[in-house]
């Protein structure tokens, strides 16, 4: 049975479509904010990739501290690779914490973030 309070015919279709568009619009506002946030993060991440090329690193090299050491030619074991990167190049160490690894560094006891 149709709702007796809603208009019938063309007026009802218009009211229904207007209500539907209002609901969709409210979701678009949320999605736009989410899109903007993801886009900003992607842009920032791509800037890290460009900076990593200064050390000859590719994103695939940054999965582990050992992977970084292998890519740049530093001798390390998986147990000391993090310390090796920090000792060999502190700027790279901080950059990697900011872009590839946990922002908190257990060696330094600090959080590296923007």
Protein backbone atom coordinates (compact mmCIF):
# COMPACT_ATOMS: atom_id res chain seq x y z
CA UNK A 1 0.00 0.00 0.00
CA UNK A 2 1.37 3.43 -0.96
CA UNK A 3 2.15 6.06 1.65
CA UNK A 4 -0.78 8.46 1.73
CA UNK A 5 1.40 11.45 2.70
CA UNK A 6 3.68 11.33 -0.33
CA UNK A 7 2.45 12.90 -3.56
CA UNK A 8 1.49 10.69 -6.45
CA UNK A 9 2.36 10.90 -10.08
CA UNK A 10 4.98 13.28 -11.39
CA UNK A 11 5.14 15.29 -8.17
CA UNK A 12 5.86 12.08 -6.24
CA UNK A 13 8.59 11.06 -8.66
CA UNK A 14 10.21 14.49 -8.38
CA UNK A 15 10.05 14.43 -4.58
CA UNK A 16 11.51 10.92 -4.52
CA UNK A 17 14.36 11.85 -6.85
CA UNK A 18 15.11 15.03 -4.89
CA UNK A 19 15.28 13.01 -1.68
CA UNK A 20 17.54 10.43 -3.35
CA UNK A 21 19.86 13.17 -4.66
CA UNK A 22 20.05 14.75 -1.21
CA UNK A 23 21.10 11.41 0.30
CA UNK A 24 23.68 10.83 -2.43
CA UNK A 25 25.02 14.37 -2.03
CA UNK A 26 25.60 13.87 1.69
CA UNK A 27 27.59 10.71 0.92
CA UNK A 28 29.56 12.60 -1.76
CA UNK A 29 30.71 15.14 0.82
CA UNK A 30 32.14 12.31 2.95
CA UNK A 31 33.67 10.59 -0.07
CA UNK A 32 35.21 13.86 -1.29
CA UNK A 33 36.92 14.38 2.06
CA UNK A 34 38.18 10.79 2.01
CA UNK A 35 39.36 11.21 -1.60
CA UNK A 36 41.20 14.44 -0.76
CA UNK A 37 42.92 12.81 2.21
CA UNK A 38 44.01 9.78 0.17
CA UNK A 39 45.19 12.01 -2.68
CA UNK A 40 47.25 14.16 -0.30
CA UNK A 41 48.82 11.03 1.24
CA UNK A 42 49.65 9.63 -2.20
CA UNK A 43 51.30 12.90 -3.24
CA UNK A 44 53.36 12.89 -0.06
CA UNK A 45 54.34 9.27 -0.55
CA UNK A 46 55.44 9.93 -4.11
CA UNK A 47 57.66 12.74 -2.86
CA UNK A 48 59.33 10.23 -0.53
CA UNK A 49 59.95 7.94 -3.52
CA UNK A 50 61.69 10.80 -5.35
CA UNK A 51 63.86 11.46 -2.29
CA UNK A 52 64.80 7.78 -1.95
CA UNK A 53 66.31 7.87 -5.44
CA UNK A 54 69.11 10.03 -3.97
CA UNK A 55 70.33 6.80 -2.37
CA UNK A 56 69.53 4.66 -5.40
CA UNK A 57 66.58 3.06 -3.61
CA UNK A 58 63.32 1.94 -5.14
CA UNK A 59 60.11 1.44 -3.16
CA UNK A 60 60.60 -2.34 -3.41
CA UNK A 61 63.93 -1.99 -1.56
CA UNK A 62 62.27 -0.55 1.54
CA UNK A 63 60.28 -3.53 2.79
CA UNK A 64 62.82 -4.33 5.49
CA UNK A 65 65.88 -2.72 7.01
CA UNK A 66 67.89 -5.62 5.58
CA UNK A 67 66.47 -4.91 2.13
CA UNK A 68 67.71 -1.33 2.41
CA UNK A 69 71.18 -2.49 3.47
CA UNK A 70 71.34 -4.95 0.58
CA UNK A 71 70.23 -2.31 -1.93
CA UNK A 72 72.85 0.24 -0.89
CA UNK A 73 75.59 -2.33 -0.33
CA UNK A 74 75.98 -2.16 3.45
CA UNK A 75 76.97 -5.34 5.25
CA UNK A 76 74.42 -6.23 7.88
CA UNK A 77 72.44 -9.07 9.38
CA UNK A 78 68.71 -8.95 9.84
CA UNK A 79 69.34 -8.53 13.58
CA UNK A 80 71.40 -5.34 13.14
CA UNK A 81 70.21 -3.89 9.83
CA UNK A 82 68.23 -1.08 11.48
CA UNK A 83 71.30 -0.05 13.50
CA UNK A 84 73.45 -0.28 10.38
CA UNK A 85 71.24 2.14 8.44
CA UNK A 86 71.20 4.56 11.39
CA UNK A 87 74.99 4.38 11.75
CA UNK A 88 75.75 4.69 8.03
CA UNK A 89 73.31 7.49 7.16
CA UNK A 90 71.16 9.25 9.75
CA UNK A 91 69.25 11.27 7.13
CA UNK A 92 68.24 8.09 5.30
CA UNK A 93 67.35 6.48 8.62
CA UNK A 94 64.93 9.29 9.49
CA UNK A 95 63.47 9.36 5.97
CA UNK A 96 62.79 5.63 6.09
CA UNK A 97 61.01 5.97 9.42
CA UNK A 98 58.86 8.71 7.92
CA UNK A 99 57.94 6.86 4.74
CA UNK A 100 58.48 3.11 4.99
CA UNK A 101 58.68 1.93 8.57
CA UNK A 102 56.99 2.69 11.85
CA UNK A 103 57.40 6.38 12.66
CA UNK A 104 58.56 5.44 16.16
CA UNK A 105 62.26 4.51 16.32
CA UNK A 106 63.09 2.10 19.12
CA UNK A 107 66.80 2.93 18.78
CA UNK A 108 66.36 6.67 19.24
CA UNK A 109 63.22 6.52 21.37
CA UNK A 110 61.52 9.20 19.26
CA UNK A 111 58.75 9.45 16.68
CA UNK A 112 59.69 10.83 13.29
CA UNK A 113 56.75 12.54 11.59
CA UNK A 114 55.93 15.61 9.55
